[in-house]
Every structure is written in structure tokens, then in C-alpha cells.
Amino acid sequence: MALLYEMVWRFLHALLYVQRALVAWFRLHIWRWKRAVMGLLLPLALGFHNQKKAGPIGKRTSRRVRWGAEGRTLEKLPLHVGLLITEEEIHYTDIANLVVWCMAVGISYVSVYDNQGVFKRNNSRLMEEILKKQQEFLGMDSSKYSVEFLKNGTDKQEHQVLSCQSVVKVLSPDDGRLSIVQAARQLCRAVEQKERTSKDIDVTVLDSLLRESKNIPDPDLVLKFGPVESTLGFLPWHIRLTEIISMPSHIDVSYDDLFGALQCYAVCEQRLGK
């Protein structure tokens, strides 16, 4: 009987795995179908169907002008966007595309997070890919959209290209729940050493301890990529009021996908009266 139960359990587990895989597959392909429709309709709606074909430099200029203009058309543009990757397979090129598109639209802060800390361990590789895409998309105007990389735990820049307009921060689970634990220990030691009293501890004090940089605001919008319905420890303290939009995958994501998410954010904020 025990063997029968084990076989039934394994069968049900296999069915659950297949069901999750099918759901993820359908979500990805439905999203790509919607993206293809948007790709056909959006240029017509914006009046780009009469444009002549341009060379590589002309394409970069037209894209830059388009991205900047579309960013200004939004009723509400997030100041800080978090990119939350819940997938096991990670493509640095696709993440770099998202970061540079955010910069071109006018977003000042971008956080990149994965639960395994892959980006944090390979920070330099991600930086190189972002700078490469920055030059590819923005060309000679890339200096106007410069990126500053911040080391975790400090305000010091790790790499900068000319003047800084956008800040990119790479995060891992160590920057989430662990930072809350460390802040709590710090407060306990302060009370034990009579540097503070228990009455001094409130939300404002804890908030000041959890902020590594006063110049970086909380994320306004988090784009979660992948089928996992969880934030996986992404800055639990800082995203109390953050809008979270789920997207199928970061692989082969397009600019139109990003702009569509920004439009959804703007509409939600407008309806909430923010």
C-alpha cells in the first residue's frame, strides 16, 4: 500500500510540474502575440509609418528621440524601477537592454535583482553589457545618458561614464531580509549599551538604518520576470507601496514591452490619484 501511495504521489507531482510548464509556455507565447500586435499598431498610432528608412546613425537618433518623447507623454514616470528576475536562465544582454531603455525614457534609478545573487557575483559582466548596449542604442549621445554603478553598502561609485544621469544598483537577498536583521541587531546593541532607549525606536529610526543611501528613493515600480509568483526577498521594507507588474520572461523582451508596463503604471497611479 505504501508503494502505491508513493507511485500516486510521484504521478501527481509530475502532473503538477507539467501543468506549471504549460502555463508558463502559454503565458510567454500569449505575451509575445500581444507584443507583435502592439508592434504593428503602435507605429501607426504614433505616425511613424511615413518615415523613410534610415541608416545606423539615423536609426539611433530616431530611436532616442522616440524613447525620450514617449517617456514625456506619460502622466507619471517612475523615478526608480526594479527589475526582479525569478527565472533560472539569465541573459545579461536582455537585462542590459532593459536598463538602457529605462535610461533613455528618463528613469533615474534602476535596481537589478535575482534570488541567487548571480548579477551581484558577476557585476562587472553586467556593467560591460550595459555600457555596450548604451553605445549601440544611443551612439554619440550616450554621454547624456550616463550610468553610475553603486557598490552595495556605500555611496561610492564603482564606474561612471562622464556626467551621471542614471544610477544602477545590483541587489541580492543579502540586501533584503538580512539587512532588516542587521538593523534590528544594531538597535538592540544601542539599547544594551544605553546609547538609545526602547522609546527611541520607531519606524523612522529603523527606516534610516535600512537606507544605504539617502539619495536613492524606494522603487516606484517593480517589473517581475518569470512564472514565480513571489518577490523572492526583493527589498521587503522598501516596496511597501511599490506597484508590481508581472511579465512572462526577460528573454527577448522588447522596448514596447517595457513601455507598455510603464503605461500600465501611469494609468494605475492616475486612478489612485497619486
C-alpha atoms as a PDB file:
ATOM      1  CA  MET A   1       0.000   0.000   0.000  1.00  0.00           C
ATOM      2  CA  ALA A   2       2.848   2.358   0.843  1.00  0.00           C
ATOM      3  CA  LEU A   3       4.371   1.700  -2.571  1.00  0.00           C
ATOM      4  CA  LEU A   4       1.036   2.534  -4.235  1.00  0.00           C
ATOM      5  CA  TYR A   5       0.774   5.800  -2.323  1.00  0.00           C
ATOM      6  CA  GLU A   6       4.324   6.712  -3.364  1.00  0.00           C
ATOM      7  CA  MET A   7       3.548   5.999  -7.032  1.00  0.00           C
ATOM      8  CA  VAL A   8       0.377   8.096  -6.870  1.00  0.00           C
ATOM      9  CA  TRP A   9       2.282  10.914  -5.179  1.00  0.00           C
ATOM     10  CA  ARG A  10       5.007  10.856  -7.832  1.00  0.00           C
ATOM     11  CA  PHE A  11       2.375  10.844 -10.575  1.00  0.00           C
ATOM     12  CA  LEU A  12       0.578  13.860  -9.100  1.00  0.00           C
ATOM     13  CA  HIS A  13       3.897  15.659  -8.662  1.00  0.00           C
ATOM     14  CA  ALA A  14       4.734  15.031 -12.328  1.00  0.00           C
ATOM     15  CA  LEU A  15       1.302  16.338 -13.374  1.00  0.00           C
ATOM     16  CA  LEU A  16       1.853  19.498 -11.328  1.00  0.00           C
ATOM     17  CA  TYR A  17       5.245  20.058 -12.961  1.00  0.00           C
ATOM     18  CA  VAL A  18       3.761  19.599 -16.454  1.00  0.00           C
ATOM     19  CA  GLN A  19       0.886  21.945 -15.614  1.00  0.00           C
ATOM     20  CA  ARG A  20       3.277  24.679 -14.437  1.00  0.00           C
ATOM     21  CA  ALA A  21       5.423  24.264 -17.538  1.00  0.00           C
ATOM     22  CA  LEU A  22       2.387  24.521 -19.833  1.00  0.00           C
ATOM     23  CA  VAL A  23       1.082  27.614 -18.035  1.00  0.00           C
ATOM     24  CA  ALA A  24       4.481  29.309 -18.334  1.00  0.00           C
ATOM     25  CA  TRP A  25       4.671  28.373 -22.031  1.00  0.00           C
ATOM     26  CA  PHE A  26       1.196  29.724 -22.792  1.00  0.00           C
ATOM     27  CA  ARG A  27       1.828  32.941 -20.852  1.00  0.00           C
ATOM     28  CA  LEU A  28       5.067  33.564 -22.746  1.00  0.00           C
ATOM     29  CA  HIS A  29       3.536  32.961 -26.171  1.00  0.00           C
ATOM     30  CA  ILE A  30       0.380  34.973 -25.445  1.00  0.00           C
ATOM     31  CA  TRP A  31       2.609  37.877 -24.311  1.00  0.00           C
ATOM     32  CA  ARG A  32       4.664  37.612 -27.484  1.00  0.00           C
ATOM     33  CA  TRP A  33       1.475  37.592 -29.572  1.00  0.00           C
ATOM     34  CA  LYS A  34       0.278  40.753 -27.833  1.00  0.00           C
ATOM     35  CA  ARG A  35       3.708  42.290 -28.336  1.00  0.00           C
ATOM     36  CA  ALA A  36       3.543  41.526 -32.083  1.00  0.00           C
ATOM     37  CA  VAL A  37       0.129  43.195 -32.341  1.00  0.00           C
ATOM     38  CA  MET A  38       1.426  46.248 -30.455  1.00  0.00           C
ATOM     39  CA  GLY A  39       4.423  46.357 -32.765  1.00  0.00           C
ATOM     40  CA  LEU A  40       2.050  46.632 -35.745  1.00  0.00           C
ATOM     41  CA  LEU A  41      -0.407  49.111 -34.266  1.00  0.00           C
ATOM     42  CA  LEU A  42       1.827  51.416 -32.209  1.00  0.00           C
ATOM     43  CA  PRO A  43       3.875  52.811 -35.121  1.00  0.00           C
ATOM     44  CA  LEU A  44       0.659  53.592 -36.998  1.00  0.00           C
ATOM     45  CA  ALA A  45      -0.869  55.282 -33.972  1.00  0.00           C
ATOM     46  CA  LEU A  46       2.237  57.419 -33.470  1.00  0.00           C
ATOM     47  CA  GLY A  47       2.513  58.303 -37.135  1.00  0.00           C
ATOM     48  CA  PHE A  48       5.791  56.524 -37.881  1.00  0.00           C
ATOM     49  CA  HIS A  49       4.512  54.694 -40.959  1.00  0.00           C
ATOM     50  CA  ASN A  50       5.562  57.545 -43.257  1.00  0.00           C
ATOM     51  CA  GLN A  51       9.148  57.633 -42.056  1.00  0.00           C
ATOM     52  CA  LYS A  52      11.884  56.822 -44.547  1.00  0.00           C
ATOM     53  CA  LYS A  53      14.412  54.109 -43.916  1.00  0.00           C
ATOM     54  CA  ALA A  54      17.421  55.431 -42.082  1.00  0.00           C
ATOM     55  CA  GLY A  55      20.978  54.258 -41.705  1.00  0.00           C
ATOM     56  CA  PRO A  56      22.559  53.044 -38.438  1.00  0.00           C
ATOM     57  CA  ILE A  57      23.164  56.582 -37.125  1.00  0.00           C
ATOM     58  CA  GLY A  58      19.728  57.748 -38.223  1.00  0.00           C
ATOM     59  CA  LYS A  59      18.128  54.766 -36.534  1.00  0.00           C
ATOM     60  CA  ARG A  60      19.904  55.515 -33.260  1.00  0.00           C
ATOM     61  CA  THR A  61      18.793  59.150 -33.411  1.00  0.00           C
ATOM     62  CA  SER A  62      15.187  58.316 -34.268  1.00  0.00           C
ATOM     63  CA  ARG A  63      15.006  55.710 -31.532  1.00  0.00           C
ATOM     64  CA  ARG A  64      16.484  58.068 -28.962  1.00  0.00           C
ATOM     65  CA  VAL A  65      14.065  60.837 -29.943  1.00  0.00           C
ATOM     66  CA  ARG A  66      11.141  58.429 -29.887  1.00  0.00           C
ATOM     67  CA  TRP A  67      12.018  56.945 -26.490  1.00  0.00           C
ATOM     68  CA  GLY A  68      12.527  60.338 -24.893  1.00  0.00           C
ATOM     69  CA  ALA A  69       9.313  61.715 -26.415  1.00  0.00           C
ATOM     70  CA  GLU A  70       7.277  58.705 -25.296  1.00  0.00           C
ATOM     71  CA  GLY A  71       8.649  58.998 -21.776  1.00  0.00           C
ATOM     72  CA  ARG A  72       7.450  62.603 -21.645  1.00  0.00           C
ATOM     73  CA  THR A  73       3.954  61.616 -22.796  1.00  0.00           C
ATOM     74  CA  LEU A  74       3.367  59.506 -19.682  1.00  0.00           C
ATOM     75  CA  GLU A  75       1.275  61.134 -16.982  1.00  0.00           C
ATOM     76  CA  LYS A  76       3.510  59.590 -14.317  1.00  0.00           C
ATOM     77  CA  LEU A  77       7.032  58.297 -14.872  1.00  0.00           C
ATOM     78  CA  PRO A  78       8.562  56.153 -12.112  1.00  0.00           C
ATOM     79  CA  LEU A  79      11.693  57.598 -10.577  1.00  0.00           C
ATOM     80  CA  HIS A  80      13.034  54.183  -9.557  1.00  0.00           C
ATOM     81  CA  VAL A  81      12.329  50.901 -11.391  1.00  0.00           C
ATOM     82  CA  GLY A  82      13.298  47.498 -10.006  1.00  0.00           C
ATOM     83  CA  LEU A  83      13.974  44.555 -12.345  1.00  0.00           C
ATOM     84  CA  LEU A  84      13.194  41.326 -10.462  1.00  0.00           C
ATOM     85  CA  ILE A  85      14.351  38.163 -12.260  1.00  0.00           C
ATOM     86  CA  THR A  86      12.780  34.924 -10.976  1.00  0.00           C
ATOM     87  CA  GLU A  87      13.974  32.703 -13.819  1.00  0.00           C
ATOM     88  CA  GLU A  88      16.847  30.238 -13.598  1.00  0.00           C
ATOM     89  CA  GLU A  89      18.207  31.131 -17.039  1.00  0.00           C
ATOM     90  CA  ILE A  90      19.683  34.622 -17.080  1.00  0.00           C
ATOM     91  CA  HIS A  91      20.599  36.618 -20.170  1.00  0.00           C
ATOM     92  CA  TYR A  92      22.810  39.618 -19.484  1.00  0.00           C
ATOM     93  CA  THR A  93      22.079  41.167 -22.879  1.00  0.00           C
ATOM     94  CA  ASP A  94      18.333  41.302 -22.279  1.00  0.00           C
ATOM     95  CA  ILE A  95      18.807  42.860 -18.834  1.00  0.00           C
ATOM     96  CA  ALA A  96      21.207  45.416 -20.309  1.00  0.00           C
ATOM     97  CA  ASN A  97      18.593  46.296 -22.925  1.00  0.00           C
ATOM     98  CA  LEU A  98      16.022  46.960 -20.200  1.00  0.00           C
ATOM     99  CA  VAL A  99      18.422  49.130 -18.202  1.00  0.00           C
ATOM    100  CA  VAL A 100      19.399  51.277 -21.201  1.00  0.00           C
ATOM    101  CA  TRP A 101      15.769  51.654 -22.315  1.00  0.00           C
ATOM    102  CA  CYS A 102      14.885  52.840 -18.807  1.00  0.00           C
ATOM    103  CA  MET A 103      17.692  55.390 -19.016  1.00  0.00           C
ATOM    104  CA  ALA A 104      16.559  56.613 -22.441  1.00  0.00           C
ATOM    105  CA  VAL A 105      12.942  57.050 -21.322  1.00  0.00           C
ATOM    106  CA  GLY A 106      14.089  59.182 -18.385  1.00  0.00           C
ATOM    107  CA  ILE A 107      14.138  56.860 -15.358  1.00  0.00           C
ATOM    108  CA  SER A 108      16.811  57.929 -12.883  1.00  0.00           C
ATOM    109  CA  TYR A 109      17.308  54.757 -10.800  1.00  0.00           C
ATOM    110  CA  VAL A 110      17.284  51.101 -11.831  1.00  0.00           C
ATOM    111  CA  SER A 111      17.765  48.131  -9.494  1.00  0.00           C
ATOM    112  CA  VAL A 112      18.573  44.659 -10.814  1.00  0.00           C
ATOM    113  CA  TYR A 113      17.820  41.682  -8.544  1.00  0.00           C
ATOM    114  CA  ASP A 114      17.882  37.904  -8.703  1.00  0.00           C
ATOM    115  CA  ASN A 115      17.345  35.454  -5.859  1.00  0.00           C
ATOM    116  CA  GLN A 116      20.595  33.549  -6.465  1.00  0.00           C
ATOM    117  CA  GLY A 117      22.827  36.620  -6.431  1.00  0.00           C
ATOM    118  CA  VAL A 118      24.143  35.864  -9.939  1.00  0.00           C
ATOM    119  CA  PHE A 119      24.185  39.512 -11.022  1.00  0.00           C
ATOM    120  CA  LYS A 120      25.906  40.578  -7.826  1.00  0.00           C
ATOM    121  CA  ARG A 121      28.667  37.986  -8.280  1.00  0.00           C
ATOM    122  CA  ASN A 122      29.085  38.970 -11.925  1.00  0.00           C
ATOM    123  CA  ASN A 123      28.636  42.699 -11.513  1.00  0.00           C
ATOM    124  CA  SER A 124      31.433  43.648 -13.908  1.00  0.00           C
ATOM    125  CA  ARG A 125      29.983  41.488 -16.677  1.00  0.00           C
ATOM    126  CA  LEU A 126      26.609  43.200 -16.372  1.00  0.00           C
ATOM    127  CA  MET A 127      28.314  46.615 -16.384  1.00  0.00           C
ATOM    128  CA  GLU A 128      30.183  45.811 -19.587  1.00  0.00           C
ATOM    129  CA  GLU A 129      26.992  44.666 -21.284  1.00  0.00           C
ATOM    130  CA  ILE A 130      25.106  47.804 -20.207  1.00  0.00           C
ATOM    131  CA  LEU A 131      27.855  50.091 -21.496  1.00  0.00           C
ATOM    132  CA  LYS A 132      27.955  48.158 -24.784  1.00  0.00           C
ATOM    133  CA  LYS A 133      24.196  48.488 -25.260  1.00  0.00           C
ATOM    134  CA  GLN A 134      24.358  52.120 -24.235  1.00  0.00           C
ATOM    135  CA  GLN A 135      26.761  52.828 -27.083  1.00  0.00           C
ATOM    136  CA  GLU A 136      24.769  50.672 -29.526  1.00  0.00           C
ATOM    137  CA  PHE A 137      21.414  52.330 -28.828  1.00  0.00           C
ATOM    138  CA  LEU A 138      22.440  55.888 -28.041  1.00  0.00           C
ATOM    139  CA  GLY A 139      25.628  56.304 -30.076  1.00  0.00           C
ATOM    140  CA  MET A 140      27.251  59.724 -29.786  1.00  0.00           C
ATOM    141  CA  ASP A 141      24.523  60.830 -27.365  1.00  0.00           C
ATOM    142  CA  SER A 142      25.351  58.098 -24.873  1.00  0.00           C
ATOM    143  CA  SER A 143      27.186  60.592 -22.634  1.00  0.00           C
ATOM    144  CA  LYS A 144      23.865  62.329 -21.972  1.00  0.00           C
ATOM    145  CA  TYR A 145      22.510  59.073 -20.559  1.00  0.00           C
ATOM    146  CA  SER A 146      25.492  58.083 -18.453  1.00  0.00           C
ATOM    147  CA  VAL A 147      25.212  55.370 -15.845  1.00  0.00           C
ATOM    148  CA  GLU A 148      26.667  55.262 -12.349  1.00  0.00           C
ATOM    149  CA  PHE A 149      27.137  51.886 -10.674  1.00  0.00           C
ATOM    150  CA  LEU A 150      26.944  51.869  -6.896  1.00  0.00           C
ATOM    151  CA  LYS A 151      28.695  49.393  -4.661  1.00  0.00           C
ATOM    152  CA  ASN A 152      26.422  47.766  -2.129  1.00  0.00           C
ATOM    153  CA  GLY A 153      26.672  49.323   1.308  1.00  0.00           C
ATOM    154  CA  THR A 154      28.297  52.560   0.151  1.00  0.00           C
ATOM    155  CA  ASP A 155      27.551  55.696  -1.796  1.00  0.00           C
ATOM    156  CA  LYS A 156      30.790  55.400  -3.767  1.00  0.00           C
ATOM    157  CA  GLN A 157      30.582  54.934  -7.493  1.00  0.00           C
ATOM    158  CA  GLU A 158      32.181  51.835  -8.969  1.00  0.00           C
ATOM    159  CA  HIS A 159      32.143  53.016 -12.559  1.00  0.00           C
ATOM    160  CA  GLN A 160      30.993  56.156 -14.261  1.00  0.00           C
ATOM    161  CA  VAL A 161      30.894  57.425 -17.823  1.00  0.00           C
ATOM    162  CA  LEU A 162      31.208  61.221 -17.985  1.00  0.00           C
ATOM    163  CA  SER A 163      28.257  63.001 -16.358  1.00  0.00           C
ATOM    164  CA  CYS A 164      25.858  60.860 -14.343  1.00  0.00           C
ATOM    165  CA  GLN A 165      22.158  60.813 -15.090  1.00  0.00           C
ATOM    166  CA  SER A 166      21.044  57.276 -14.196  1.00  0.00           C
ATOM    167  CA  VAL A 167      22.040  55.094 -11.259  1.00  0.00           C
ATOM    168  CA  VAL A 168      22.115  51.293 -11.484  1.00  0.00           C
ATOM    169  CA  LYS A 169      22.251  49.141  -8.361  1.00  0.00           C
ATOM    170  CA  VAL A 170      22.736  45.364  -8.364  1.00  0.00           C
ATOM    171  CA  LEU A 171      20.980  43.614  -5.470  1.00  0.00           C
ATOM    172  CA  SER A 172      20.732  40.145  -3.952  1.00  0.00           C
ATOM    173  CA  PRO A 173      18.844  38.599  -0.992  1.00  0.00           C
ATOM    174  CA  ASP A 174      21.593  39.931   1.308  1.00  0.00           C
ATOM    175  CA  ASP A 175      20.216  43.419   0.696  1.00  0.00           C
ATOM    176  CA  GLY A 176      16.699  42.451   1.786  1.00  0.00           C
ATOM    177  CA  ARG A 177      15.733  40.479   4.874  1.00  0.00           C
ATOM    178  CA  LEU A 178      19.323  40.203   6.068  1.00  0.00           C
ATOM    179  CA  SER A 179      19.618  43.996   6.206  1.00  0.00           C
ATOM    180  CA  ILE A 180      16.491  44.118   8.403  1.00  0.00           C
ATOM    181  CA  VAL A 181      18.044  41.585  10.782  1.00  0.00           C
ATOM    182  CA  GLN A 182      21.282  43.579  10.906  1.00  0.00           C
ATOM    183  CA  ALA A 183      19.398  46.805  11.606  1.00  0.00           C
ATOM    184  CA  ALA A 184      17.471  45.119  14.435  1.00  0.00           C
ATOM    185  CA  ARG A 185      20.724  43.851  15.965  1.00  0.00           C
ATOM    186  CA  GLN A 186      22.224  47.315  15.704  1.00  0.00           C
ATOM    187  CA  LEU A 187      19.268  48.803  17.570  1.00  0.00           C
ATOM    188  CA  CYS A 188      19.455  46.097  20.250  1.00  0.00           C
ATOM    189  CA  ARG A 189      23.159  46.780  20.803  1.00  0.00           C
ATOM    190  CA  ALA A 190      22.455  50.503  21.039  1.00  0.00           C
ATOM    191  CA  VAL A 191      19.822  49.871  23.740  1.00  0.00           C
ATOM    192  CA  GLU A 192      22.118  47.437  25.551  1.00  0.00           C
ATOM    193  CA  GLN A 193      24.937  49.987  25.576  1.00  0.00           C
ATOM    194  CA  LYS A 194      22.464  52.681  26.663  1.00  0.00           C
ATOM    195  CA  GLU A 195      23.074  54.731  23.543  1.00  0.00           C
ATOM    196  CA  ARG A 196      19.320  54.556  22.897  1.00  0.00           C
ATOM    197  CA  THR A 197      16.218  53.678  24.868  1.00  0.00           C
ATOM    198  CA  SER A 198      13.407  51.429  23.752  1.00  0.00           C
ATOM    199  CA  LYS A 199      11.202  54.519  23.428  1.00  0.00           C
ATOM    200  CA  ASP A 200      13.580  55.943  20.824  1.00  0.00           C
ATOM    201  CA  ILE A 201      12.952  53.055  18.444  1.00  0.00           C
ATOM    202  CA  ASP A 202      10.268  53.777  15.870  1.00  0.00           C
ATOM    203  CA  VAL A 203       9.636  53.398  12.128  1.00  0.00           C
ATOM    204  CA  THR A 204      11.682  56.479  11.261  1.00  0.00           C
ATOM    205  CA  VAL A 205      14.764  55.213  13.109  1.00  0.00           C
ATOM    206  CA  LEU A 206      14.534  51.772  11.505  1.00  0.00           C
ATOM    207  CA  ASP A 207      13.976  53.330   8.096  1.00  0.00           C
ATOM    208  CA  SER A 208      17.112  55.474   8.447  1.00  0.00           C
ATOM    209  CA  LEU A 209      19.182  52.393   9.316  1.00  0.00           C
ATOM    210  CA  LEU A 210      17.872  50.416   6.360  1.00  0.00           C
ATOM    211  CA  ARG A 211      18.702  53.045   3.788  1.00  0.00           C
ATOM    212  CA  GLU A 212      22.217  52.597   2.466  1.00  0.00           C
ATOM    213  CA  SER A 213      21.988  55.822   0.507  1.00  0.00           C
ATOM    214  CA  LYS A 214      19.704  58.758   1.209  1.00  0.00           C
ATOM    215  CA  ASN A 215      19.939  59.684  -2.454  1.00  0.00           C
ATOM    216  CA  ILE A 216      18.193  56.501  -3.663  1.00  0.00           C
ATOM    217  CA  PRO A 217      14.390  56.521  -3.307  1.00  0.00           C
ATOM    218  CA  ASP A 218      12.196  53.459  -2.812  1.00  0.00           C
ATOM    219  CA  PRO A 219      11.201  51.681  -6.039  1.00  0.00           C
ATOM    220  CA  ASP A 220       8.034  53.122  -7.571  1.00  0.00           C
ATOM    221  CA  LEU A 221       7.653  50.177  -9.930  1.00  0.00           C
ATOM    222  CA  VAL A 222       8.974  46.599  -9.904  1.00  0.00           C
ATOM    223  CA  LEU A 223       8.901  44.534 -13.097  1.00  0.00           C
ATOM    224  CA  LYS A 224       8.895  40.860 -12.138  1.00  0.00           C
ATOM    225  CA  PHE A 225      10.045  38.490 -14.867  1.00  0.00           C
ATOM    226  CA  GLY A 226       9.228  34.785 -14.726  1.00  0.00           C
ATOM    227  CA  PRO A 227       6.440  32.408 -13.613  1.00  0.00           C
ATOM    228  CA  VAL A 228       7.243  32.534  -9.883  1.00  0.00           C
ATOM    229  CA  GLU A 229       4.518  34.441  -8.014  1.00  0.00           C
ATOM    230  CA  SER A 230       6.811  35.844  -5.343  1.00  0.00           C
ATOM    231  CA  THR A 231       9.141  38.785  -4.853  1.00  0.00           C
ATOM    232  CA  LEU A 232      11.780  36.334  -3.528  1.00  0.00           C
ATOM    233  CA  GLY A 233      13.035  38.692  -0.826  1.00  0.00           C
ATOM    234  CA  PHE A 234      13.438  41.767  -3.022  1.00  0.00           C
ATOM    235  CA  LEU A 235      13.783  44.716  -0.595  1.00  0.00           C
ATOM    236  CA  PRO A 236      10.737  43.811   1.568  1.00  0.00           C
ATOM    237  CA  TRP A 237      10.986  47.051   3.558  1.00  0.00           C
ATOM    238  CA  HIS A 238      11.340  49.367   0.570  1.00  0.00           C
ATOM    239  CA  ILE A 239       8.488  48.024  -1.604  1.00  0.00           C
ATOM    240  CA  ARG A 240       5.641  48.567   0.850  1.00  0.00           C
ATOM    241  CA  LEU A 241       3.946  50.984  -1.561  1.00  0.00           C
ATOM    242  CA  THR A 242       5.507  49.765  -4.802  1.00  0.00           C
ATOM    243  CA  GLU A 243       3.483  48.828  -7.888  1.00  0.00           C
ATOM    244  CA  ILE A 244       4.460  45.330  -9.089  1.00  0.00           C
ATOM    245  CA  ILE A 245       3.793  44.199 -12.669  1.00  0.00           C
ATOM    246  CA  SER A 246       4.393  40.567 -13.655  1.00  0.00           C
ATOM    247  CA  MET A 247       5.861  39.830 -17.081  1.00  0.00           C
ATOM    248  CA  PRO A 248       6.421  36.360 -18.606  1.00  0.00           C
ATOM    249  CA  SER A 249      10.178  36.437 -19.242  1.00  0.00           C
ATOM    250  CA  HIS A 250      13.136  38.805 -19.530  1.00  0.00           C
ATOM    251  CA  ILE A 251      14.399  36.818 -22.509  1.00  0.00           C
ATOM    252  CA  ASP A 252      13.796  38.578 -25.834  1.00  0.00           C
ATOM    253  CA  VAL A 253      11.842  41.326 -24.086  1.00  0.00           C
ATOM    254  CA  SER A 254      11.290  44.378 -26.296  1.00  0.00           C
ATOM    255  CA  TYR A 255      11.146  48.110 -25.716  1.00  0.00           C
ATOM    256  CA  ASP A 256       7.404  48.007 -26.418  1.00  0.00           C
ATOM    257  CA  ASP A 257       7.017  45.502 -23.550  1.00  0.00           C
ATOM    258  CA  LEU A 258       8.772  47.906 -21.193  1.00  0.00           C
ATOM    259  CA  PHE A 259       6.825  50.931 -22.390  1.00  0.00           C
ATOM    260  CA  GLY A 260       3.559  49.010 -22.083  1.00  0.00           C
ATOM    261  CA  ALA A 261       4.381  48.288 -18.430  1.00  0.00           C
ATOM    262  CA  LEU A 262       5.201  51.969 -17.862  1.00  0.00           C
ATOM    263  CA  GLN A 263       1.853  52.914 -19.384  1.00  0.00           C
ATOM    264  CA  CYS A 264       0.078  50.495 -17.021  1.00  0.00           C
ATOM    265  CA  TYR A 265       1.916  52.066 -14.088  1.00  0.00           C
ATOM    266  CA  ALA A 266       0.951  55.578 -15.205  1.00  0.00           C
ATOM    267  CA  VAL A 267      -2.725  54.594 -15.537  1.00  0.00           C
ATOM    268  CA  CYS A 268      -2.771  52.935 -12.108  1.00  0.00           C
ATOM    269  CA  GLU A 269      -1.163  55.949 -10.473  1.00  0.00           C
ATOM    270  CA  GLN A 270      -3.618  58.263 -12.191  1.00  0.00           C
ATOM    271  CA  ARG A 271      -6.595  56.242 -10.982  1.00  0.00           C
ATOM    272  CA  LEU A 272      -5.219  56.180  -7.454  1.00  0.00           C
ATOM    273  CA  GLY A 273      -4.833  59.950  -7.622  1.00  0.00           C
ATOM    274  CA  LYS A 274      -1.088  59.919  -6.945  1.00  0.00           C
END
